[in-house]
Amino acid sequence: MNKELISFQEFVAGYNSHKFTVLVDNSKAGDFVLSQFADKHNKPAHLFFSWLAIVLIIPAPIVLWIFYGWIFALGSFILGLAIRSAAKKSAVQFVMQNMLENEDFWEYVLLHKGAEIQDKDGNEIGSEFLNRMAKKTESGR
């Protein structure tokens, strides 16, 4: 079965007209936000909230438990988990926003299998860029 191949412009037009669905890999989204191809304005917020979540999940509950009691430690831990979850969701949104605005970022995410494009029927859509890269790799062997 041959995949439909699209260009970046076709991707943007298809996504905006709801012809395509994009499934972003949650576990890779944070790495893409911090990549050199991503919009630099999203990086500080992602770094801040990721580290805040780490601090609120691990060291803060220990300190709070020692000095203030278990209820404050538990509150810190729960708040850290909520912030961590929100940071992951916002990273996925940053990736989607950047994929629609920047062709280099779109290619980077697809090259590293960080997102999958599907049509309304759930069929996977490929990119012309990745197809060209695969042909170059095959001809180089």
C-alpha atoms as a PDB file:
ATOM      1  CA  MET A   1       0.000   0.000   0.000  1.00  0.00           C
ATOM      2  CA  ASN A   2       1.420   3.376  -1.011  1.00  0.00           C
ATOM      3  CA  LYS A   3       1.224   6.270   1.378  1.00  0.00           C
ATOM      4  CA  GLU A   4      -0.011   9.619   0.192  1.00  0.00           C
ATOM      5  CA  LEU A   5       2.924  12.052   0.190  1.00  0.00           C
ATOM      6  CA  ILE A   6       2.423  15.706   1.023  1.00  0.00           C
ATOM      7  CA  SER A   7       4.541  18.834   1.134  1.00  0.00           C
ATOM      8  CA  PHE A   8       4.711  21.261   4.043  1.00  0.00           C
ATOM      9  CA  GLN A   9       2.247  23.652   2.372  1.00  0.00           C
ATOM     10  CA  GLU A  10      -0.210  20.803   1.801  1.00  0.00           C
ATOM     11  CA  PHE A  11       0.201  19.771   5.435  1.00  0.00           C
ATOM     12  CA  VAL A  12      -0.621  23.253   6.728  1.00  0.00           C
ATOM     13  CA  ALA A  13      -3.605  23.614   4.400  1.00  0.00           C
ATOM     14  CA  GLY A  14      -4.869  20.111   5.222  1.00  0.00           C
ATOM     15  CA  TYR A  15      -4.462  20.563   8.968  1.00  0.00           C
ATOM     16  CA  ASN A  16      -6.227  23.939   8.927  1.00  0.00           C
ATOM     17  CA  SER A  17      -9.112  22.462   6.896  1.00  0.00           C
ATOM     18  CA  HIS A  18      -9.292  19.452   9.279  1.00  0.00           C
ATOM     19  CA  LYS A  19      -8.314  16.942   6.562  1.00  0.00           C
ATOM     20  CA  PHE A  20      -5.394  15.688   8.659  1.00  0.00           C
ATOM     21  CA  THR A  21      -4.925  14.653  12.260  1.00  0.00           C
ATOM     22  CA  VAL A  22      -1.495  14.871  13.849  1.00  0.00           C
ATOM     23  CA  LEU A  23      -0.494  12.510  16.640  1.00  0.00           C
ATOM     24  CA  VAL A  24       2.517  13.919  18.497  1.00  0.00           C
ATOM     25  CA  ASP A  25       4.643  11.527  20.555  1.00  0.00           C
ATOM     26  CA  ASN A  26       4.230  12.782  24.145  1.00  0.00           C
ATOM     27  CA  SER A  27       7.517  11.282  25.286  1.00  0.00           C
ATOM     28  CA  LYS A  28       9.517  13.157  22.625  1.00  0.00           C
ATOM     29  CA  ALA A  29       7.673  16.495  22.640  1.00  0.00           C
ATOM     30  CA  GLY A  30       9.846  18.089  25.334  1.00  0.00           C
ATOM     31  CA  ASP A  31      13.006  17.218  23.421  1.00  0.00           C
ATOM     32  CA  PHE A  32      11.601  18.804  20.270  1.00  0.00           C
ATOM     33  CA  VAL A  33      10.704  22.003  22.141  1.00  0.00           C
ATOM     34  CA  LEU A  34      14.331  22.277  23.273  1.00  0.00           C
ATOM     35  CA  SER A  35      15.777  21.501  19.821  1.00  0.00           C
ATOM     36  CA  GLN A  36      17.615  24.038  17.685  1.00  0.00           C
ATOM     37  CA  PHE A  37      14.748  24.121  15.166  1.00  0.00           C
ATOM     38  CA  ALA A  38      12.030  25.057  17.660  1.00  0.00           C
ATOM     39  CA  ASP A  39      10.823  28.563  18.405  1.00  0.00           C
ATOM     40  CA  LYS A  40      13.165  30.038  21.005  1.00  0.00           C
ATOM     41  CA  HIS A  41      10.309  31.716  22.888  1.00  0.00           C
ATOM     42  CA  ASN A  42       8.859  28.402  24.082  1.00  0.00           C
ATOM     43  CA  LYS A  43      12.089  27.039  25.563  1.00  0.00           C
ATOM     44  CA  PRO A  44      12.326  29.132  28.769  1.00  0.00           C
ATOM     45  CA  ALA A  45       8.751  28.346  29.820  1.00  0.00           C
ATOM     46  CA  HIS A  46       9.215  24.632  29.159  1.00  0.00           C
ATOM     47  CA  LEU A  47      12.507  24.518  31.068  1.00  0.00           C
ATOM     48  CA  PHE A  48      11.106  26.503  34.004  1.00  0.00           C
ATOM     49  CA  PHE A  49       7.995  24.395  34.484  1.00  0.00           C
ATOM     50  CA  SER A  50       9.824  21.101  33.922  1.00  0.00           C
ATOM     51  CA  TRP A  51      12.385  21.940  36.600  1.00  0.00           C
ATOM     52  CA  LEU A  52       9.738  23.365  38.924  1.00  0.00           C
ATOM     53  CA  ALA A  53       7.875  20.058  38.685  1.00  0.00           C
ATOM     54  CA  ILE A  54      11.054  18.099  39.482  1.00  0.00           C
ATOM     55  CA  VAL A  55      11.773  20.266  42.524  1.00  0.00           C
ATOM     56  CA  LEU A  56       8.188  20.005  43.785  1.00  0.00           C
ATOM     57  CA  ILE A  57       8.116  16.224  43.318  1.00  0.00           C
ATOM     58  CA  ILE A  58      11.446  15.220  44.889  1.00  0.00           C
ATOM     59  CA  PRO A  59      13.368  17.628  47.176  1.00  0.00           C
ATOM     60  CA  ALA A  60      10.557  19.950  48.306  1.00  0.00           C
ATOM     61  CA  PRO A  61       8.392  17.196  49.870  1.00  0.00           C
ATOM     62  CA  ILE A  62      11.377  15.895  51.843  1.00  0.00           C
ATOM     63  CA  VAL A  63      12.182  19.334  53.235  1.00  0.00           C
ATOM     64  CA  LEU A  64       8.525  20.135  53.886  1.00  0.00           C
ATOM     65  CA  TRP A  65       7.965  16.811  55.640  1.00  0.00           C
ATOM     66  CA  ILE A  66      10.913  17.409  57.963  1.00  0.00           C
ATOM     67  CA  PHE A  67      10.012  20.992  58.896  1.00  0.00           C
ATOM     68  CA  TYR A  68       6.236  21.287  58.438  1.00  0.00           C
ATOM     69  CA  GLY A  69       4.677  17.830  58.346  1.00  0.00           C
ATOM     70  CA  TRP A  70       3.382  15.296  55.907  1.00  0.00           C
ATOM     71  CA  ILE A  71       0.373  17.295  54.683  1.00  0.00           C
ATOM     72  CA  PHE A  72       2.597  19.995  53.182  1.00  0.00           C
ATOM     73  CA  ALA A  73       4.884  17.354  51.667  1.00  0.00           C
ATOM     74  CA  LEU A  74       1.918  15.622  50.093  1.00  0.00           C
ATOM     75  CA  GLY A  75       0.605  18.950  48.758  1.00  0.00           C
ATOM     76  CA  SER A  76       3.980  19.725  47.186  1.00  0.00           C
ATOM     77  CA  PHE A  77       4.137  16.281  45.592  1.00  0.00           C
ATOM     78  CA  ILE A  78       0.622  16.550  44.124  1.00  0.00           C
ATOM     79  CA  LEU A  79       1.283  20.083  42.866  1.00  0.00           C
ATOM     80  CA  GLY A  80       4.509  18.848  41.238  1.00  0.00           C
ATOM     81  CA  LEU A  81       2.652  16.046  39.460  1.00  0.00           C
ATOM     82  CA  ALA A  82       0.027  18.492  38.192  1.00  0.00           C
ATOM     83  CA  ILE A  83       2.688  20.880  36.883  1.00  0.00           C
ATOM     84  CA  ARG A  84       4.571  17.990  35.247  1.00  0.00           C
ATOM     85  CA  SER A  85       1.412  16.880  33.456  1.00  0.00           C
ATOM     86  CA  ALA A  86       0.659  20.426  32.307  1.00  0.00           C
ATOM     87  CA  ALA A  87       4.249  20.888  31.066  1.00  0.00           C
ATOM     88  CA  LYS A  88       3.959  17.725  28.947  1.00  0.00           C
ATOM     89  CA  LYS A  89       0.647  18.861  27.467  1.00  0.00           C
ATOM     90  CA  SER A  90       2.009  22.306  26.663  1.00  0.00           C
ATOM     91  CA  ALA A  91       5.099  20.731  25.032  1.00  0.00           C
ATOM     92  CA  VAL A  92       2.795  18.824  22.659  1.00  0.00           C
ATOM     93  CA  GLN A  93       0.972  22.075  21.871  1.00  0.00           C
ATOM     94  CA  PHE A  94       4.298  23.865  21.293  1.00  0.00           C
ATOM     95  CA  VAL A  95       5.328  21.105  18.867  1.00  0.00           C
ATOM     96  CA  MET A  96       2.049  21.392  16.935  1.00  0.00           C
ATOM     97  CA  GLN A  97       2.294  25.182  16.791  1.00  0.00           C
ATOM     98  CA  ASN A  98       5.908  25.031  15.589  1.00  0.00           C
ATOM     99  CA  MET A  99       5.109  22.314  13.014  1.00  0.00           C
ATOM    100  CA  LEU A 100       2.503  24.600  11.453  1.00  0.00           C
ATOM    101  CA  GLU A 101       4.770  27.658  11.437  1.00  0.00           C
ATOM    102  CA  ASN A 102       8.218  26.300  10.535  1.00  0.00           C
ATOM    103  CA  GLU A 103       8.983  23.905   7.695  1.00  0.00           C
ATOM    104  CA  ASP A 104      12.422  22.998   9.092  1.00  0.00           C
ATOM    105  CA  PHE A 105      10.861  22.050  12.424  1.00  0.00           C
ATOM    106  CA  TRP A 106       8.150  20.034  10.650  1.00  0.00           C
ATOM    107  CA  GLU A 107      10.814  18.069   8.775  1.00  0.00           C
ATOM    108  CA  TYR A 108      12.876  17.603  11.946  1.00  0.00           C
ATOM    109  CA  VAL A 109       9.933  16.184  13.913  1.00  0.00           C
ATOM    110  CA  LEU A 110       8.909  13.828  11.114  1.00  0.00           C
ATOM    111  CA  LEU A 111      12.500  12.707  10.524  1.00  0.00           C
ATOM    112  CA  HIS A 112      12.833  11.722  14.192  1.00  0.00           C
ATOM    113  CA  LYS A 113       9.406  10.046  14.242  1.00  0.00           C
ATOM    114  CA  GLY A 114       7.973  12.510  16.741  1.00  0.00           C
ATOM    115  CA  ALA A 115       4.625  12.822  15.014  1.00  0.00           C
ATOM    116  CA  GLU A 116       2.356  10.857  12.726  1.00  0.00           C
ATOM    117  CA  ILE A 117       0.038  12.472  10.204  1.00  0.00           C
ATOM    118  CA  GLN A 118      -3.233  10.704   9.426  1.00  0.00           C
ATOM    119  CA  ASP A 119      -6.169  11.456   7.152  1.00  0.00           C
ATOM    120  CA  LYS A 120      -9.792  11.303   8.296  1.00  0.00           C
ATOM    121  CA  ASP A 121      -9.911   7.552   7.672  1.00  0.00           C
ATOM    122  CA  GLY A 122      -6.856   6.904   9.851  1.00  0.00           C
ATOM    123  CA  ASN A 123      -4.482   6.220   6.939  1.00  0.00           C
ATOM    124  CA  GLU A 124      -0.927   7.352   7.526  1.00  0.00           C
ATOM    125  CA  ILE A 125       0.250  10.276   5.409  1.00  0.00           C
ATOM    126  CA  GLY A 126       3.929  10.574   4.473  1.00  0.00           C
ATOM    127  CA  SER A 127       6.033  13.593   3.671  1.00  0.00           C
ATOM    128  CA  GLU A 128       7.720  14.298   0.367  1.00  0.00           C
ATOM    129  CA  PHE A 129      10.810  15.355   2.328  1.00  0.00           C
ATOM    130  CA  LEU A 130      11.139  11.998   4.087  1.00  0.00           C
ATOM    131  CA  ASN A 131      10.567  10.186   0.802  1.00  0.00           C
ATOM    132  CA  ARG A 132      13.398  12.175  -0.836  1.00  0.00           C
ATOM    133  CA  MET A 133      15.681  11.452   2.143  1.00  0.00           C
ATOM    134  CA  ALA A 134      14.904   7.715   1.944  1.00  0.00           C
ATOM    135  CA  LYS A 135      15.703   7.651  -1.786  1.00  0.00           C
ATOM    136  CA  LYS A 136      19.033   9.437  -1.165  1.00  0.00           C
ATOM    137  CA  THR A 137      19.923   6.923   1.514  1.00  0.00           C
ATOM    138  CA  GLU A 138      19.030   3.979  -0.740  1.00  0.00           C
ATOM    139  CA  SER A 139      21.012   5.326  -3.677  1.00  0.00           C
ATOM    140  CA  GLY A 140      24.045   5.899  -1.439  1.00  0.00           C
ATOM    141  CA  ARG A 141      24.312   2.219  -0.468  1.00  0.00           C
END
